């Protein structure tokens, strides 16, 4: 049951992030639910591989390169999910930062 709650929290975070940023658009709630599922799968499968591959760059940048990886994964999600659009890399980077801030706040509120 906790997976469904985390999924819905990520969905709400995606909707809030899209509302706050003019460069990110979500066409509806169902699209946000699908985007949350796709982002969860991408983060589960691709993110650990990319973090390991880019570990030297990540160490040199004191972990800031993880933000770049998050932005690239968000752009991949935008490419895969119809109805979810990100204008460019910088909007994806800012969207990733906003998701990183909003998601733990919502998780604490709903527990």
N, C-alpha and C. Protein backbone atom coordinates (compact mmCIF):
# COMPACT_ATOMS: atom_id res chain seq x y z
N UNK A 1 0.82 -1.20 0.00
CA UNK A 1 0.00 0.00 0.00
C UNK A 1 0.86 1.26 0.00
N UNK A 2 2.04 1.20 0.60
CA UNK A 2 2.87 2.39 0.67
C UNK A 2 3.39 2.81 -0.70
N UNK A 3 3.51 1.87 -1.63
CA UNK A 3 3.95 2.22 -2.99
C UNK A 3 2.91 3.10 -3.66
N UNK A 4 1.64 2.79 -3.46
CA UNK A 4 0.57 3.58 -4.06
C UNK A 4 0.55 4.99 -3.46
N UNK A 5 0.78 5.08 -2.16
CA UNK A 5 0.80 6.39 -1.51
C UNK A 5 1.98 7.21 -2.03
N UNK A 6 3.15 6.60 -2.14
CA UNK A 6 4.32 7.31 -2.68
C UNK A 6 4.08 7.74 -4.12
N UNK A 7 3.41 6.90 -4.88
CA UNK A 7 3.08 7.20 -6.27
C UNK A 7 2.16 8.42 -6.35
N UNK A 8 1.14 8.44 -5.49
CA UNK A 8 0.21 9.57 -5.48
C UNK A 8 0.88 10.85 -4.98
N UNK A 9 1.79 10.73 -4.02
CA UNK A 9 2.53 11.90 -3.54
C UNK A 9 3.39 12.47 -4.66
N UNK A 10 4.07 11.60 -5.41
CA UNK A 10 4.86 12.06 -6.54
C UNK A 10 3.97 12.69 -7.61
N UNK A 11 2.78 12.15 -7.79
CA UNK A 11 1.84 12.73 -8.75
C UNK A 11 1.46 14.15 -8.35
N UNK A 12 1.15 14.35 -7.07
CA UNK A 12 0.80 15.68 -6.58
C UNK A 12 2.01 16.62 -6.71
N UNK A 13 3.22 16.12 -6.43
CA UNK A 13 4.43 16.94 -6.56
C UNK A 13 4.64 17.35 -8.02
N UNK A 14 4.36 16.46 -8.95
CA UNK A 14 4.49 16.79 -10.38
C UNK A 14 3.48 17.86 -10.76
N UNK A 15 2.26 17.75 -10.27
CA UNK A 15 1.24 18.75 -10.58
C UNK A 15 1.63 20.11 -9.99
N UNK A 16 2.12 20.12 -8.76
CA UNK A 16 2.54 21.39 -8.13
C UNK A 16 3.71 21.99 -8.88
N UNK A 17 4.69 21.16 -9.25
CA UNK A 17 5.85 21.66 -9.99
C UNK A 17 5.47 22.22 -11.33
N UNK A 18 4.55 21.56 -12.01
CA UNK A 18 4.09 22.07 -13.31
C UNK A 18 3.29 23.36 -13.14
N UNK A 19 2.59 23.48 -12.03
CA UNK A 19 1.84 24.71 -11.78
C UNK A 19 2.78 25.89 -11.51
N UNK A 20 3.88 25.62 -10.80
CA UNK A 20 4.81 26.68 -10.43
C UNK A 20 5.71 27.12 -11.59
N UNK A 21 6.00 26.22 -12.51
CA UNK A 21 6.95 26.53 -13.59
C UNK A 21 6.22 26.67 -14.93
N UNK A 22 6.37 27.81 -15.58
CA UNK A 22 5.70 27.98 -16.88
C UNK A 22 6.32 27.13 -18.00
N UNK A 23 7.53 26.63 -17.82
CA UNK A 23 8.18 25.84 -18.85
C UNK A 23 7.85 24.37 -18.79
N UNK A 24 7.04 23.96 -17.81
CA UNK A 24 6.63 22.57 -17.66
C UNK A 24 5.11 22.52 -17.70
N UNK A 25 4.58 21.67 -18.57
CA UNK A 25 3.12 21.56 -18.69
C UNK A 25 2.68 20.11 -18.53
N UNK A 26 1.58 19.94 -17.80
CA UNK A 26 0.94 18.64 -17.64
C UNK A 26 -0.50 18.83 -18.08
N UNK A 27 -0.96 18.01 -19.01
CA UNK A 27 -2.29 18.23 -19.58
C UNK A 27 -3.43 17.72 -18.71
N UNK A 28 -3.16 16.96 -17.67
CA UNK A 28 -4.23 16.48 -16.81
C UNK A 28 -3.72 15.61 -15.69
N UNK A 29 -4.65 15.22 -14.81
CA UNK A 29 -4.28 14.40 -13.66
C UNK A 29 -3.81 13.02 -14.08
N UNK A 30 -4.48 12.42 -15.05
CA UNK A 30 -4.09 11.09 -15.52
C UNK A 30 -2.68 11.11 -16.12
N UNK A 31 -2.36 12.17 -16.83
CA UNK A 31 -1.02 12.31 -17.38
C UNK A 31 0.01 12.42 -16.25
N UNK A 32 -0.35 13.14 -15.18
CA UNK A 32 0.56 13.26 -14.03
C UNK A 32 0.76 11.90 -13.34
N UNK A 33 -0.30 11.10 -13.28
CA UNK A 33 -0.18 9.76 -12.69
C UNK A 33 0.75 8.89 -13.53
N UNK A 34 0.58 8.94 -14.85
CA UNK A 34 1.44 8.17 -15.75
C UNK A 34 2.88 8.68 -15.68
N UNK A 35 3.04 10.00 -15.62
CA UNK A 35 4.39 10.58 -15.52
C UNK A 35 5.06 10.16 -14.22
N UNK A 36 4.32 10.10 -13.13
CA UNK A 36 4.90 9.67 -11.86
C UNK A 36 5.34 8.21 -11.93
N UNK A 37 4.54 7.37 -12.59
CA UNK A 37 4.91 5.97 -12.73
C UNK A 37 6.16 5.82 -13.60
N UNK A 38 6.19 6.54 -14.72
CA UNK A 38 7.35 6.46 -15.61
C UNK A 38 8.59 7.00 -14.91
N UNK A 39 8.46 8.11 -14.19
CA UNK A 39 9.61 8.67 -13.48
C UNK A 39 10.09 7.72 -12.39
N UNK A 40 9.18 7.06 -11.72
CA UNK A 40 9.57 6.07 -10.71
C UNK A 40 10.34 4.91 -11.32
N UNK A 41 9.88 4.42 -12.45
CA UNK A 41 10.57 3.31 -13.12
C UNK A 41 11.93 3.75 -13.64
N UNK A 42 11.99 4.95 -14.22
CA UNK A 42 13.27 5.48 -14.72
C UNK A 42 14.25 5.65 -13.57
N UNK A 43 13.78 6.20 -12.45
CA UNK A 43 14.65 6.39 -11.29
C UNK A 43 15.10 5.06 -10.70
N UNK A 44 14.27 4.05 -10.80
CA UNK A 44 14.61 2.73 -10.27
C UNK A 44 15.63 2.01 -11.15
N UNK A 45 15.50 2.15 -12.46
CA UNK A 45 16.33 1.38 -13.38
C UNK A 45 17.55 2.17 -13.86
N UNK A 46 17.34 3.35 -14.41
CA UNK A 46 18.43 4.08 -15.06
C UNK A 46 19.29 4.93 -14.12
N UNK A 47 18.67 5.54 -13.12
CA UNK A 47 19.42 6.48 -12.29
C UNK A 47 20.62 5.85 -11.59
N UNK A 48 20.47 4.67 -10.97
CA UNK A 48 21.66 4.08 -10.32
C UNK A 48 22.80 3.79 -11.31
N UNK A 49 22.45 3.37 -12.50
CA UNK A 49 23.47 3.09 -13.52
C UNK A 49 24.18 4.38 -13.91
N UNK A 50 23.41 5.44 -14.15
CA UNK A 50 24.01 6.72 -14.53
C UNK A 50 24.85 7.32 -13.42
N UNK A 51 24.42 7.16 -12.18
CA UNK A 51 25.19 7.70 -11.06
C UNK A 51 26.53 6.96 -10.93
N UNK A 52 26.52 5.66 -11.12
CA UNK A 52 27.77 4.88 -11.05
C UNK A 52 28.69 5.24 -12.20
N UNK A 53 28.14 5.37 -13.40
CA UNK A 53 28.97 5.70 -14.57
C UNK A 53 29.60 7.08 -14.41
N UNK A 54 28.86 8.03 -13.88
CA UNK A 54 29.35 9.41 -13.75
C UNK A 54 29.92 9.70 -12.38
N UNK A 55 30.29 8.67 -11.63
CA UNK A 55 30.79 8.87 -10.27
C UNK A 55 31.99 9.81 -10.19
N UNK A 56 33.00 9.72 -11.06
CA UNK A 56 34.11 10.67 -10.96
C UNK A 56 33.68 12.13 -11.13
N UNK A 57 32.80 12.38 -12.10
CA UNK A 57 32.30 13.75 -12.29
C UNK A 57 31.48 14.19 -11.08
N UNK A 58 30.71 13.26 -10.54
CA UNK A 58 29.88 13.56 -9.39
C UNK A 58 30.74 13.89 -8.16
N UNK A 59 31.83 13.18 -7.99
CA UNK A 59 32.73 13.47 -6.86
C UNK A 59 33.38 14.83 -7.04
N UNK A 60 33.85 15.11 -8.26
CA UNK A 60 34.50 16.40 -8.51
C UNK A 60 33.55 17.58 -8.34
N UNK A 61 32.27 17.36 -8.65
CA UNK A 61 31.29 18.45 -8.53
C UNK A 61 30.60 18.46 -7.17
N UNK A 62 31.09 17.63 -6.25
CA UNK A 62 30.51 17.53 -4.90
C UNK A 62 29.03 17.14 -4.93
N UNK A 63 28.67 16.29 -5.87
CA UNK A 63 27.32 15.77 -5.96
C UNK A 63 26.36 16.60 -6.79
N UNK A 64 26.80 17.74 -7.28
CA UNK A 64 25.90 18.60 -8.05
C UNK A 64 25.56 18.02 -9.42
N UNK A 65 26.41 17.13 -9.93
CA UNK A 65 26.11 16.53 -11.23
C UNK A 65 24.86 15.65 -11.17
N UNK A 66 24.47 15.24 -9.97
CA UNK A 66 23.23 14.48 -9.81
C UNK A 66 22.03 15.30 -10.28
N UNK A 67 22.09 16.61 -10.11
CA UNK A 67 21.02 17.48 -10.62
C UNK A 67 20.92 17.40 -12.13
N UNK A 68 22.06 17.31 -12.79
CA UNK A 68 22.08 17.19 -14.25
C UNK A 68 21.48 15.85 -14.65
N UNK A 69 21.83 14.79 -13.94
CA UNK A 69 21.26 13.47 -14.22
C UNK A 69 19.74 13.50 -14.04
N UNK A 70 19.27 14.14 -12.96
CA UNK A 70 17.82 14.26 -12.73
C UNK A 70 17.14 15.01 -13.87
N UNK A 71 17.76 16.09 -14.33
CA UNK A 71 17.18 16.86 -15.43
C UNK A 71 17.11 16.03 -16.71
N UNK A 72 18.15 15.28 -16.99
CA UNK A 72 18.14 14.42 -18.19
C UNK A 72 17.08 13.33 -18.09
N UNK A 73 16.89 12.78 -16.91
CA UNK A 73 15.85 11.76 -16.73
C UNK A 73 14.46 12.37 -16.84
N UNK A 74 14.29 13.60 -16.38
CA UNK A 74 13.00 14.28 -16.54
C UNK A 74 12.73 14.56 -18.02
N UNK A 75 13.77 14.94 -18.76
CA UNK A 75 13.60 15.16 -20.19
C UNK A 75 13.26 13.86 -20.91
N UNK A 76 13.84 12.74 -20.46
CA UNK A 76 13.49 11.44 -21.02
C UNK A 76 12.04 11.11 -20.73
N UNK A 77 11.59 11.38 -19.50
CA UNK A 77 10.20 11.14 -19.15
C UNK A 77 9.27 11.99 -20.01
N UNK A 78 9.65 13.25 -20.24
CA UNK A 78 8.82 14.13 -21.07
C UNK A 78 8.74 13.60 -22.50
N UNK A 79 9.80 12.96 -22.95
CA UNK A 79 9.80 12.38 -24.30
C UNK A 79 8.90 11.14 -24.36
N UNK A 80 8.83 10.40 -23.28
CA UNK A 80 8.07 9.15 -23.27
C UNK A 80 6.58 9.34 -22.98
N UNK A 81 6.22 10.37 -22.20
CA UNK A 81 4.83 10.56 -21.78
C UNK A 81 4.19 11.67 -22.60
N UNK A 82 3.16 11.32 -23.35
CA UNK A 82 2.41 12.33 -24.10
C UNK A 82 1.56 13.15 -23.13
N UNK A 83 1.59 14.46 -23.30
CA UNK A 83 0.84 15.35 -22.43
C UNK A 83 1.69 15.96 -21.32
N UNK A 84 2.92 15.49 -21.17
CA UNK A 84 3.85 16.08 -20.23
C UNK A 84 4.99 16.67 -21.05
N UNK A 85 5.17 17.98 -20.96
CA UNK A 85 6.17 18.66 -21.77
C UNK A 85 7.07 19.53 -20.92
N UNK A 86 8.35 19.50 -21.26
CA UNK A 86 9.36 20.37 -20.65
C UNK A 86 10.02 21.12 -21.79
N UNK A 87 10.08 22.44 -21.70
CA UNK A 87 10.57 23.25 -22.81
C UNK A 87 12.04 23.02 -23.10
N UNK A 88 12.89 23.00 -22.07
CA UNK A 88 14.31 22.82 -22.32
C UNK A 88 14.98 22.24 -21.08
N UNK A 89 16.31 22.10 -21.17
CA UNK A 89 17.08 21.50 -20.10
C UNK A 89 16.96 22.29 -18.80
N UNK A 90 16.98 23.61 -18.88
CA UNK A 90 16.97 24.44 -17.68
C UNK A 90 15.65 24.32 -16.92
N UNK A 91 14.54 24.22 -17.65
CA UNK A 91 13.26 23.99 -16.99
C UNK A 91 13.24 22.61 -16.34
N UNK A 92 13.83 21.63 -17.01
CA UNK A 92 13.90 20.28 -16.43
C UNK A 92 14.76 20.28 -15.16
N UNK A 93 15.86 21.04 -15.18
CA UNK A 93 16.72 21.13 -14.00
C UNK A 93 15.96 21.77 -12.83
N UNK A 94 15.27 22.85 -13.10
CA UNK A 94 14.50 23.53 -12.06
C UNK A 94 13.34 22.66 -11.57
N UNK A 95 12.71 21.94 -12.49
CA UNK A 95 11.63 21.03 -12.12
C UNK A 95 12.15 19.92 -11.22
N UNK A 96 13.34 19.40 -11.51
CA UNK A 96 13.94 18.38 -10.66
C UNK A 96 14.24 18.89 -9.26
N UNK A 97 14.70 20.13 -9.18
CA UNK A 97 14.97 20.73 -7.87
C UNK A 97 13.66 20.90 -7.09
N UNK A 98 12.64 21.37 -7.78
CA UNK A 98 11.33 21.56 -7.12
C UNK A 98 10.76 20.23 -6.66
N UNK A 99 10.88 19.19 -7.48
CA UNK A 99 10.41 17.87 -7.06
C UNK A 99 11.19 17.38 -5.85
N UNK A 100 12.48 17.65 -5.82
CA UNK A 100 13.32 17.23 -4.69
C UNK A 100 12.95 17.95 -3.40
N UNK A 101 12.39 19.13 -3.52
CA UNK A 101 11.97 19.88 -2.33
C UNK A 101 10.54 19.52 -1.92
N UNK A 102 9.65 19.43 -2.89
CA UNK A 102 8.23 19.21 -2.59
C UNK A 102 7.94 17.78 -2.14
N UNK A 103 8.59 16.80 -2.76
CA UNK A 103 8.30 15.40 -2.47
C UNK A 103 8.51 15.04 -0.99
N UNK A 104 9.63 15.40 -0.35
CA UNK A 104 9.77 15.07 1.08
C UNK A 104 8.78 15.83 1.97
N UNK A 105 8.45 17.05 1.59
CA UNK A 105 7.48 17.82 2.37
C UNK A 105 6.12 17.14 2.34
N UNK A 106 5.68 16.73 1.15
CA UNK A 106 4.39 16.04 1.03
C UNK A 106 4.43 14.68 1.73
N UNK A 107 5.56 14.00 1.67
CA UNK A 107 5.69 12.71 2.33
C UNK A 107 5.51 12.87 3.84
N UNK A 108 6.12 13.90 4.41
CA UNK A 108 5.96 14.14 5.85
C UNK A 108 4.53 14.54 6.21
N UNK A 109 3.88 15.30 5.34
CA UNK A 109 2.51 15.71 5.62
C UNK A 109 1.54 14.55 5.63
N UNK A 110 1.75 13.57 4.74
CA UNK A 110 0.81 12.47 4.62
C UNK A 110 1.14 11.26 5.48
N UNK A 111 2.20 11.33 6.28
CA UNK A 111 2.51 10.20 7.16
C UNK A 111 2.03 10.44 8.55
